[in-house]
N, C-alpha and C. Protein backbone atom coordinates (compact mmCIF):
# COMPACT_ATOMS: atom_id res chain seq x y z
N MET A 1 122.09 94.54 115.25
CA MET A 1 120.85 94.40 114.43
C MET A 1 121.05 94.97 113.16
N PRO A 2 120.71 94.21 112.05
CA PRO A 2 121.03 94.85 110.59
C PRO A 2 119.85 95.90 110.37
N ILE A 3 120.27 96.92 109.52
CA ILE A 3 119.35 97.86 109.16
C ILE A 3 118.60 97.30 108.07
N THR A 4 117.31 97.28 107.99
CA THR A 4 116.35 96.67 107.12
C THR A 4 115.56 97.94 106.33
N GLN A 5 115.00 97.54 105.34
CA GLN A 5 114.24 98.58 104.42
C GLN A 5 112.98 98.71 105.24
N ILE A 6 112.37 99.91 104.91
CA ILE A 6 111.04 100.28 105.45
C ILE A 6 110.12 100.62 104.26
N SER A 7 108.80 100.57 104.63
CA SER A 7 107.71 101.12 103.72
C SER A 7 107.53 102.46 104.24
N PRO A 8 106.96 103.39 103.26
CA PRO A 8 106.68 104.74 103.72
C PRO A 8 105.36 104.65 104.66
N HIS A 9 105.39 105.37 105.71
CA HIS A 9 104.17 105.55 106.62
C HIS A 9 103.15 106.06 105.99
N ARG A 10 103.23 106.77 104.98
CA ARG A 10 101.96 107.27 104.16
C ARG A 10 102.53 107.47 102.63
N VAL A 11 101.41 107.22 101.86
CA VAL A 11 101.64 107.40 100.46
C VAL A 11 100.59 108.37 99.91
N LYS A 12 100.91 109.49 99.39
CA LYS A 12 100.01 110.57 98.79
C LYS A 12 99.04 109.88 97.65
N PRO A 13 97.83 110.39 97.54
CA PRO A 13 97.04 109.84 96.48
C PRO A 13 97.86 109.63 95.05
N SER A 14 98.47 110.87 94.57
CA SER A 14 99.03 110.67 93.40
C SER A 14 100.23 109.66 93.23
N GLU A 15 100.81 109.59 94.28
CA GLU A 15 102.09 108.54 94.39
C GLU A 15 101.61 107.21 94.35
N ALA A 16 100.34 106.85 94.84
CA ALA A 16 99.85 105.49 94.85
C ALA A 16 99.61 105.02 93.42
N THR A 17 99.58 105.82 92.36
CA THR A 17 98.95 105.50 91.12
C THR A 17 100.02 105.78 89.93
N MET A 18 101.20 106.28 90.41
CA MET A 18 102.19 106.50 89.15
C MET A 18 103.54 106.51 89.85
N ILE A 19 104.46 105.83 89.19
CA ILE A 19 105.89 105.96 89.72
C ILE A 19 106.49 107.13 88.93
N ASN A 20 107.51 107.72 89.50
CA ASN A 20 108.36 108.95 89.05
C ASN A 20 108.67 108.75 87.75
N SER A 21 108.28 109.59 86.81
CA SER A 21 108.54 109.63 85.47
C SER A 21 110.15 109.62 85.18
N VAL A 22 110.86 110.17 86.12
CA VAL A 22 112.15 110.48 85.90
C VAL A 22 113.15 109.29 86.62
N TRP A 23 112.45 108.20 87.04
CA TRP A 23 112.87 107.16 87.74
C TRP A 23 114.24 106.67 87.12
N ILE A 24 115.32 106.80 87.58
CA ILE A 24 116.56 106.48 87.15
C ILE A 24 117.34 105.56 88.08
N ASP A 25 117.57 104.42 87.76
CA ASP A 25 118.43 103.41 88.49
C ASP A 25 119.94 103.66 88.10
N LEU A 26 120.70 104.24 89.12
CA LEU A 26 122.15 104.70 88.97
C LEU A 26 122.99 103.48 88.62
N LYS A 27 122.60 102.27 88.93
CA LYS A 27 123.53 101.07 88.67
C LYS A 27 123.08 100.49 87.09
N GLU A 28 121.86 100.51 86.74
CA GLU A 28 121.49 100.05 85.34
C GLU A 28 121.45 101.16 84.29
N THR A 29 121.23 102.31 84.68
CA THR A 29 121.05 103.36 83.53
C THR A 29 121.71 104.61 83.93
N PRO A 30 122.87 104.79 84.32
CA PRO A 30 123.39 106.02 84.89
C PRO A 30 123.39 107.01 83.90
N GLN A 31 123.48 106.61 82.59
CA GLN A 31 123.63 107.57 81.51
C GLN A 31 122.54 108.45 81.27
N GLU A 32 121.33 108.07 82.09
CA GLU A 32 120.12 108.84 81.97
C GLU A 32 120.06 110.01 83.10
N PHE A 33 121.04 110.12 83.94
CA PHE A 33 121.15 111.02 84.81
C PHE A 33 121.57 112.37 84.18
N VAL A 34 120.93 113.39 84.40
CA VAL A 34 121.41 114.76 83.76
C VAL A 34 121.85 115.74 84.91
N ASN A 35 123.12 115.92 84.89
CA ASN A 35 123.79 116.80 85.89
C ASN A 35 123.45 118.24 85.83
N ASN A 36 122.14 118.41 86.33
CA ASN A 36 121.61 119.78 86.41
C ASN A 36 121.69 120.37 87.64
N LYS A 37 122.37 121.35 87.83
CA LYS A 37 122.84 121.97 89.19
C LYS A 37 121.69 122.90 89.62
N GLN A 38 120.61 123.02 89.01
CA GLN A 38 119.36 123.76 89.31
C GLN A 38 118.32 122.90 89.94
N ILE A 39 118.45 121.70 89.78
CA ILE A 39 117.40 120.80 90.21
C ILE A 39 117.88 120.08 91.52
N THR A 40 116.89 120.00 92.34
CA THR A 40 116.96 119.18 93.64
C THR A 40 116.47 117.73 93.27
N TYR A 41 117.32 116.85 93.31
CA TYR A 41 116.88 115.57 92.96
C TYR A 41 116.47 114.69 94.26
N LEU A 42 115.53 113.86 94.22
CA LEU A 42 115.02 113.01 95.36
C LEU A 42 115.84 111.64 94.88
N TRP A 43 116.05 110.89 96.01
CA TRP A 43 116.80 109.61 95.87
C TRP A 43 116.47 108.66 96.89
N VAL A 44 116.57 107.43 96.59
CA VAL A 44 116.39 106.33 97.68
C VAL A 44 117.42 105.37 97.51
N LEU A 45 117.84 104.68 98.52
CA LEU A 45 118.60 103.42 98.56
C LEU A 45 117.94 102.29 98.80
N TYR A 46 117.86 101.29 97.92
CA TYR A 46 117.23 100.12 98.14
C TYR A 46 117.81 98.87 97.43
N ASP A 47 117.38 97.70 97.68
CA ASP A 47 118.01 96.57 97.08
C ASP A 47 116.97 95.86 96.18
N TYR A 48 117.36 95.31 95.28
CA TYR A 48 116.51 94.70 94.22
C TYR A 48 115.54 93.69 94.68
N SER A 49 115.61 93.27 96.01
CA SER A 49 114.53 92.29 96.50
C SER A 49 113.32 93.13 96.78
N SER A 50 113.29 94.28 96.80
CA SER A 50 112.01 95.10 97.01
C SER A 50 111.54 95.47 95.63
N ARG A 51 112.14 95.31 94.54
CA ARG A 51 111.83 95.87 93.38
C ARG A 51 110.97 94.82 92.45
N SER A 52 110.94 93.63 92.69
CA SER A 52 110.24 92.68 92.13
C SER A 52 110.33 91.34 92.75
N GLN A 53 109.37 90.50 92.41
CA GLN A 53 109.40 88.92 92.74
C GLN A 53 110.61 88.26 92.26
N GLU A 54 110.99 88.72 91.02
CA GLU A 54 112.05 88.17 90.34
C GLU A 54 113.37 88.30 90.98
N HIS A 55 113.60 89.31 91.70
CA HIS A 55 114.85 89.62 92.35
C HIS A 55 114.81 89.39 93.79
N SER A 56 113.83 88.56 94.33
CA SER A 56 113.58 88.47 95.67
C SER A 56 114.85 87.84 96.59
N GLN A 57 115.81 87.19 95.76
CA GLN A 57 116.80 86.59 96.57
C GLN A 57 118.07 87.34 96.51
N SER A 58 118.07 88.61 95.77
CA SER A 58 119.23 89.41 95.65
C SER A 58 119.40 90.31 97.03
N GLU A 59 120.59 90.77 97.07
CA GLU A 59 120.68 91.83 98.18
C GLU A 59 121.67 92.94 97.64
N GLU A 60 121.68 93.13 96.34
CA GLU A 60 122.46 94.11 95.74
C GLU A 60 121.77 95.52 95.69
N LYS A 61 122.35 96.43 96.54
CA LYS A 61 121.79 97.74 96.58
C LYS A 61 121.97 98.73 95.43
N THR A 62 121.17 99.59 95.29
CA THR A 62 121.15 100.56 94.21
C THR A 62 120.54 101.81 94.82
N VAL A 63 120.89 102.93 93.91
CA VAL A 63 120.31 104.20 94.28
C VAL A 63 119.35 104.64 93.15
N ILE A 64 118.04 104.95 93.31
CA ILE A 64 117.08 105.48 92.30
C ILE A 64 117.03 106.85 92.58
N VAL A 65 117.05 107.67 91.47
CA VAL A 65 117.09 109.06 91.54
C VAL A 65 115.78 109.55 90.66
N GLY A 66 115.28 110.71 91.16
CA GLY A 66 114.10 111.18 90.33
C GLY A 66 113.97 112.65 90.74
N ILE A 67 112.77 113.30 90.35
CA ILE A 67 112.50 114.59 90.59
C ILE A 67 111.03 114.83 90.86
N GLU A 68 110.75 115.57 92.01
CA GLU A 68 109.43 115.86 92.30
C GLU A 68 108.84 117.00 91.41
N GLU A 69 107.73 116.97 90.78
CA GLU A 69 107.09 117.69 89.82
C GLU A 69 108.09 117.91 88.74
N PRO A 70 108.51 117.04 87.96
CA PRO A 70 109.55 117.26 86.95
C PRO A 70 109.01 117.98 85.79
N TRP A 71 107.83 118.25 85.56
CA TRP A 71 107.33 119.04 84.49
C TRP A 71 107.72 120.46 84.63
N LYS A 72 108.25 120.88 85.84
CA LYS A 72 108.52 122.09 86.15
C LYS A 72 110.02 122.35 85.54
N TYR A 73 110.56 121.36 85.13
CA TYR A 73 112.00 121.56 84.61
C TYR A 73 112.34 120.95 83.28
N MET A 74 111.31 121.22 82.36
CA MET A 74 111.26 120.74 80.94
C MET A 74 112.46 120.71 80.34
N ASP A 75 113.14 121.89 80.41
CA ASP A 75 114.58 122.10 79.68
C ASP A 75 115.80 121.05 80.12
N ALA A 76 115.44 120.21 81.30
CA ALA A 76 116.34 119.51 81.79
C ALA A 76 116.23 118.06 81.08
N PHE A 77 115.27 117.98 80.26
CA PHE A 77 114.88 116.49 79.56
C PHE A 77 114.92 116.69 78.15
N ASP A 78 115.27 115.58 77.49
CA ASP A 78 115.15 115.61 76.21
C ASP A 78 113.67 115.76 75.65
N LYS A 79 113.57 116.31 74.69
CA LYS A 79 112.24 116.49 74.07
C LYS A 79 111.24 115.20 73.98
N SER A 80 111.90 114.22 73.79
CA SER A 80 111.04 112.94 73.61
C SER A 80 110.31 112.52 74.85
N VAL A 81 110.83 113.16 76.02
CA VAL A 81 110.29 112.92 77.26
C VAL A 81 109.07 113.81 77.65
N HIS A 82 109.08 114.98 77.00
CA HIS A 82 108.05 116.08 77.21
C HIS A 82 106.61 115.42 77.21
N PRO A 83 106.23 114.66 76.31
CA PRO A 83 104.78 114.21 76.35
C PRO A 83 104.42 113.46 77.59
N LYS A 84 105.49 112.65 78.24
CA LYS A 84 105.14 111.87 79.38
C LYS A 84 105.19 112.89 80.52
N LEU A 85 106.02 114.01 80.56
CA LEU A 85 105.99 114.86 81.71
C LEU A 85 104.52 115.63 81.50
N GLU A 86 104.14 115.88 80.31
CA GLU A 86 102.77 116.65 80.40
C GLU A 86 101.72 115.78 80.95
N GLU A 87 101.87 114.40 80.57
CA GLU A 87 100.87 113.38 81.13
C GLU A 87 100.74 113.38 82.54
N MET A 88 102.02 113.37 83.16
CA MET A 88 102.26 113.44 84.68
C MET A 88 101.57 114.48 85.24
N LYS A 89 102.02 115.78 84.45
CA LYS A 89 101.24 116.92 85.12
C LYS A 89 99.79 117.00 85.08
N LYS A 90 99.27 116.51 83.93
CA LYS A 90 97.67 116.36 83.85
C LYS A 90 97.24 115.42 84.94
N HIS A 91 97.76 114.30 85.20
CA HIS A 91 97.42 113.54 86.16
C HIS A 91 97.43 114.09 87.58
N TYR A 92 98.40 114.76 87.75
CA TYR A 92 98.62 115.47 88.97
C TYR A 92 97.39 116.55 89.26
N GLU A 93 97.25 117.33 88.29
CA GLU A 93 96.29 118.37 88.35
C GLU A 93 94.85 117.87 88.64
N GLU A 94 94.67 116.73 88.02
CA GLU A 94 93.30 116.01 88.08
C GLU A 94 93.04 115.55 89.63
N THR A 95 94.25 115.00 90.14
CA THR A 95 94.00 114.40 91.49
C THR A 95 94.26 115.52 92.59
N LYS A 96 94.81 116.68 92.36
CA LYS A 96 95.12 117.60 93.29
C LYS A 96 93.76 118.23 93.83
N ASP A 97 92.85 118.56 93.19
CA ASP A 97 91.68 119.26 93.67
C ASP A 97 91.02 118.06 94.58
N PHE A 98 90.78 116.82 94.23
CA PHE A 98 90.38 115.96 94.97
C PHE A 98 91.00 115.67 96.40
N SER A 99 92.44 115.71 96.23
CA SER A 99 93.17 115.63 97.53
C SER A 99 92.87 116.75 98.46
N ASN A 100 93.02 118.00 97.80
CA ASN A 100 92.79 119.12 98.58
C ASN A 100 91.28 119.13 99.40
N SER A 101 90.43 118.55 98.70
CA SER A 101 89.12 118.72 99.17
C SER A 101 88.94 117.66 100.52
N LEU A 102 90.05 116.74 100.50
CA LEU A 102 90.08 115.88 101.65
C LEU A 102 91.12 116.29 102.79
N GLY A 103 91.74 117.65 102.43
CA GLY A 103 92.65 118.10 103.39
C GLY A 103 93.92 117.53 103.16
N LEU A 104 94.28 116.96 102.09
CA LEU A 104 95.66 116.33 101.95
C LEU A 104 96.64 116.92 101.11
N LYS A 105 97.70 117.35 101.53
CA LYS A 105 98.69 118.07 100.67
C LYS A 105 99.37 116.88 99.70
N ASP A 106 99.32 117.11 98.40
CA ASP A 106 99.63 116.11 97.61
C ASP A 106 100.60 116.58 96.50
N GLY A 107 101.81 116.44 96.79
CA GLY A 107 103.02 116.82 95.79
C GLY A 107 102.90 115.76 94.68
N MET A 108 103.81 115.63 93.71
CA MET A 108 103.85 114.75 92.65
C MET A 108 105.21 114.09 92.35
N GLY A 109 105.41 112.96 92.67
CA GLY A 109 106.64 112.21 92.36
C GLY A 109 107.50 112.26 93.56
N GLY A 110 107.05 112.19 94.77
CA GLY A 110 107.78 112.11 96.07
C GLY A 110 108.59 110.72 96.20
N HIS A 111 109.24 110.69 97.30
CA HIS A 111 110.16 109.34 97.52
C HIS A 111 109.44 108.08 97.39
N PRO A 112 108.07 107.89 97.76
CA PRO A 112 107.48 106.67 97.46
C PRO A 112 107.38 106.21 95.86
N THR A 113 107.45 107.21 95.07
CA THR A 113 107.40 107.03 93.69
C THR A 113 108.67 106.37 93.00
N LEU A 114 109.86 106.53 93.97
CA LEU A 114 111.19 105.97 93.45
C LEU A 114 111.24 104.52 94.14
N ALA A 115 110.67 104.25 95.30
CA ALA A 115 110.74 103.04 95.99
C ALA A 115 109.68 101.92 95.48
N ALA A 116 109.42 102.01 94.16
CA ALA A 116 108.36 101.33 93.58
C ALA A 116 108.65 99.85 93.63
N TRP A 117 107.56 99.08 93.68
CA TRP A 117 107.52 97.51 93.63
C TRP A 117 106.92 97.23 92.38
N PHE A 118 107.52 96.20 91.66
CA PHE A 118 107.15 95.68 90.39
C PHE A 118 106.59 94.33 90.51
N SER A 119 105.28 94.12 89.93
CA SER A 119 104.83 92.85 89.97
C SER A 119 105.29 92.01 88.77
N SER A 120 104.98 90.79 88.66
CA SER A 120 105.57 89.75 87.47
C SER A 120 104.98 90.21 86.16
N ASP A 121 103.84 90.93 86.22
CA ASP A 121 103.35 91.52 84.84
C ASP A 121 103.92 92.80 84.51
N GLY A 122 104.86 93.49 85.31
CA GLY A 122 105.47 94.73 84.95
C GLY A 122 104.77 95.83 85.37
N ARG A 123 103.63 95.69 86.21
CA ARG A 123 103.03 96.96 86.74
C ARG A 123 103.88 97.26 87.98
N ALA A 124 103.67 98.74 88.30
CA ALA A 124 104.57 99.28 89.35
C ALA A 124 103.45 100.00 90.32
N THR A 125 103.97 100.10 91.59
CA THR A 125 103.25 100.81 92.52
C THR A 125 104.02 101.34 93.58
N GLY A 126 103.91 102.56 94.03
CA GLY A 126 104.69 103.22 94.94
C GLY A 126 104.19 102.81 96.51
N SER A 127 103.03 102.12 96.54
CA SER A 127 102.57 101.79 97.86
C SER A 127 103.01 100.54 98.52
N ASN A 128 103.81 99.90 97.63
CA ASN A 128 104.40 98.66 98.10
C ASN A 128 105.94 98.52 98.20
N GLY A 129 106.54 99.82 97.86
CA GLY A 129 107.95 99.98 97.86
C GLY A 129 108.48 100.03 99.18
N CYS A 130 109.76 99.65 99.17
CA CYS A 130 110.71 99.86 100.45
C CYS A 130 111.74 100.40 100.10
N ALA A 131 112.51 101.04 101.09
CA ALA A 131 113.90 101.52 100.93
C ALA A 131 114.64 101.58 102.36
N TYR A 132 115.83 101.69 102.19
CA TYR A 132 116.62 101.80 103.42
C TYR A 132 116.58 103.26 103.86
N ILE A 133 116.78 104.13 103.00
CA ILE A 133 116.88 105.51 103.30
C ILE A 133 116.56 106.33 102.16
N GLY A 134 116.18 107.59 102.19
CA GLY A 134 116.02 108.54 101.17
C GLY A 134 116.36 110.03 101.46
N GLY A 135 116.35 110.75 100.49
CA GLY A 135 116.61 112.25 100.69
C GLY A 135 116.80 112.95 99.51
N GLU A 136 117.68 113.95 99.67
CA GLU A 136 117.90 114.95 98.40
C GLU A 136 119.24 115.01 98.18
N LEU A 137 119.41 115.22 96.64
CA LEU A 137 120.93 115.35 96.16
C LEU A 137 120.62 116.72 95.33
N TYR A 138 121.66 117.61 95.95
CA TYR A 138 121.43 119.04 95.38
C TYR A 138 122.79 119.68 95.30
N TRP A 139 123.02 120.72 94.46
CA TRP A 139 124.18 121.49 94.23
C TRP A 139 124.09 122.74 95.05
N ASP A 140 125.10 123.10 95.71
CA ASP A 140 125.25 124.28 96.49
C ASP A 140 126.56 125.11 96.41
N LYS A 141 126.66 125.89 95.56
CA LYS A 141 127.82 126.79 95.12
C LYS A 141 128.88 126.17 94.69
N LYS A 142 129.50 125.14 95.37
CA LYS A 142 130.77 124.53 95.06
C LYS A 142 130.74 122.96 95.16
N THR A 143 129.69 122.30 95.57
CA THR A 143 129.74 121.06 95.76
C THR A 143 128.27 120.33 95.72
N TRP A 144 128.23 119.07 95.41
CA TRP A 144 126.91 118.41 95.46
C TRP A 144 126.80 118.04 97.00
N PHE A 145 125.62 118.03 97.53
CA PHE A 145 125.26 117.48 98.80
C PHE A 145 124.20 116.34 98.77
N LEU A 146 124.35 115.42 99.61
CA LEU A 146 123.48 114.13 99.69
C LEU A 146 123.02 114.17 101.08
N ASN A 147 121.66 114.26 101.41
CA ASN A 147 121.20 114.24 102.70
C ASN A 147 120.00 113.33 102.94
N ASN A 148 119.50 113.13 104.02
CA ASN A 148 118.35 112.25 104.31
C ASN A 148 117.02 113.06 104.52
N GLN A 149 116.92 114.19 103.90
CA GLN A 149 115.69 115.00 104.00
C GLN A 149 114.59 114.36 103.28
N SER A 150 113.81 113.53 103.97
CA SER A 150 112.60 112.73 103.32
C SER A 150 111.62 112.56 104.57
N GLY A 151 110.40 112.96 104.21
CA GLY A 151 109.47 112.67 105.37
C GLY A 151 108.99 111.37 105.63
N ARG A 152 109.36 110.37 104.46
CA ARG A 152 108.92 109.24 104.53
C ARG A 152 110.18 108.08 104.61
N PHE A 153 111.27 108.53 104.23
CA PHE A 153 112.43 107.67 104.33
C PHE A 153 113.76 108.23 104.96
N GLY A 154 113.46 109.35 105.63
CA GLY A 154 114.71 110.03 106.20
C GLY A 154 115.39 109.43 107.43
N ARG A 155 114.52 108.49 107.92
CA ARG A 155 114.99 107.85 109.08
C ARG A 155 115.50 108.55 110.46
N ALA A 156 115.08 109.91 110.49
CA ALA A 156 115.70 110.62 111.65
C ALA A 156 114.67 110.70 112.70
N LYS A 157 113.38 110.23 112.39
CA LYS A 157 112.32 110.44 113.41
C LYS A 157 111.24 109.34 113.12
N GLY A 158 110.36 109.10 114.02
CA GLY A 158 109.27 108.08 113.84
C GLY A 158 109.68 106.69 114.25
N ASP A 159 108.75 105.81 113.80
CA ASP A 159 108.92 104.25 114.16
C ASP A 159 110.17 103.72 113.79
N HIS A 160 110.69 104.33 112.52
CA HIS A 160 112.03 103.70 112.03
C HIS A 160 113.23 104.43 112.08
N LYS A 161 113.23 105.32 113.19
CA LYS A 161 114.44 106.13 113.31
C LYS A 161 115.49 105.28 113.79
N LEU A 162 116.68 105.91 113.17
CA LEU A 162 118.03 105.23 113.32
C LEU A 162 118.94 106.16 114.05
N LYS A 163 120.05 105.82 114.62
CA LYS A 163 120.92 106.59 115.03
C LYS A 163 121.73 107.36 114.14
N LYS A 164 122.35 108.44 114.55
CA LYS A 164 123.04 109.39 113.65
C LYS A 164 124.04 108.49 112.77
N GLU A 165 124.81 107.75 113.45
CA GLU A 165 125.82 106.89 112.86
C GLU A 165 125.32 105.99 111.76
N GLN A 166 124.20 105.36 112.02
CA GLN A 166 123.52 104.55 111.02
C GLN A 166 123.09 105.18 109.80
N ILE A 167 122.56 106.41 110.12
CA ILE A 167 122.08 107.35 108.92
C ILE A 167 123.19 107.62 108.12
N GLU A 168 124.46 108.13 108.84
CA GLU A 168 125.71 108.43 108.16
C GLU A 168 126.08 107.41 107.16
N GLU A 169 126.11 106.03 107.79
CA GLU A 169 126.56 104.91 107.12
C GLU A 169 125.75 104.70 105.87
N LEU A 170 124.49 104.75 105.92
CA LEU A 170 123.62 104.56 104.64
C LEU A 170 123.73 105.71 103.70
N LEU A 171 124.07 106.84 104.15
CA LEU A 171 124.18 108.06 103.30
C LEU A 171 125.59 107.80 102.60
N ASN A 172 126.56 107.34 103.31
CA ASN A 172 127.94 107.09 102.59
C ASN A 172 127.68 105.87 101.38
N GLU A 173 127.06 104.94 102.01
CA GLU A 173 126.67 103.81 100.85
C GLU A 173 126.09 104.42 99.63
N ALA A 174 125.09 105.24 99.83
CA ALA A 174 124.33 105.85 98.71
C ALA A 174 125.56 106.75 97.90
N LYS A 175 126.11 107.56 98.73
CA LYS A 175 127.24 108.59 98.10
C LYS A 175 128.23 107.65 97.23
N GLU A 176 128.56 106.47 97.66
CA GLU A 176 129.52 105.72 96.82
C GLU A 176 128.93 105.23 95.51
N ILE A 177 127.68 104.73 95.54
CA ILE A 177 127.04 104.22 94.48
C ILE A 177 126.90 105.44 93.45
N ILE A 178 126.37 106.64 93.94
CA ILE A 178 126.15 107.87 93.01
C ILE A 178 127.39 108.36 92.52
N GLU A 179 128.46 108.52 93.26
CA GLU A 179 129.75 109.00 92.71
C GLU A 179 130.33 108.10 91.68
N LYS A 180 130.31 106.84 91.90
CA LYS A 180 130.82 105.81 90.79
C LYS A 180 130.00 105.94 89.62
N ALA A 181 128.66 105.96 89.58
CA ALA A 181 127.83 105.81 88.49
C ALA A 181 127.95 107.05 87.67
N VAL A 182 127.87 108.35 88.38
CA VAL A 182 127.74 109.52 87.57
C VAL A 182 128.89 110.41 87.71
N ASN A 183 130.11 110.05 88.25
CA ASN A 183 131.20 110.85 88.28
C ASN A 183 131.13 112.30 88.92
N ILE A 184 130.54 112.46 90.09
CA ILE A 184 130.38 113.74 90.66
C ILE A 184 130.90 113.52 92.10
N GLU A 185 131.50 114.56 92.72
CA GLU A 185 131.74 114.41 94.07
C GLU A 185 130.83 114.97 95.12
N ILE A 186 130.65 114.33 96.02
CA ILE A 186 129.43 114.46 97.11
C ILE A 186 130.00 114.75 98.41
N THR A 187 129.35 115.69 99.19
CA THR A 187 129.50 115.89 100.62
C THR A 187 128.12 115.35 101.30
N VAL A 188 128.25 114.46 102.10
CA VAL A 188 127.24 113.86 103.03
C VAL A 188 126.73 114.92 104.09
N GLU A 189 125.53 114.98 104.15
CA GLU A 189 124.89 115.84 105.40
C GLU A 189 123.73 115.21 105.91
N VAL A 190 123.93 114.73 107.19
CA VAL A 190 123.00 114.15 108.15
C VAL A 190 122.05 115.17 108.78
N ILE A 191 120.72 114.87 108.61
CA ILE A 191 119.79 115.69 109.12
C ILE A 191 118.94 114.99 110.17
N MET A 192 118.97 115.28 111.31
CA MET A 192 118.30 114.72 112.56
C MET A 192 117.07 115.36 113.11
N LYS A 193 116.37 116.02 112.18
CA LYS A 193 115.07 116.51 112.60
C LYS A 193 113.80 116.15 111.78
């Protein structure tokens, strides 16, 4: 049975109203990736059919990379992006109090903001997005690591749980795309919890 893309089982309030402002498609715009070893990047593997109605017949997979709460890493971005990061921070702060009053933990810019779906008028939403798998890309002493550490797209538990071998296969597929796009060497790390 082929592995299919999944929707996140939950989308936090801030994630439903904004895509990740550091949203980088590593096949289309790899030059936007900043090789910053101090940042833990979020990533998802998906194909263009989930991205818009226009690409609905495609099965070309790509990796989208972003950063949760990117305003904490201003020096990692060109100054031209700073106003957008400030806008994102303001939006987060405005929704945080409301979310907290409902007992919801609400980070900003999580995996659903990377698996965005685009309508024909160009609007994006994280609530309709799908991905095969998602996780973290991070530097640890001597190498980059790619794992499936994602509460919504990690595929190690829940209704969409995959076998370890299937997760490893998807991680290796993402690894190949990332290595080719940004010229870094990556070690795959499967997390089954």
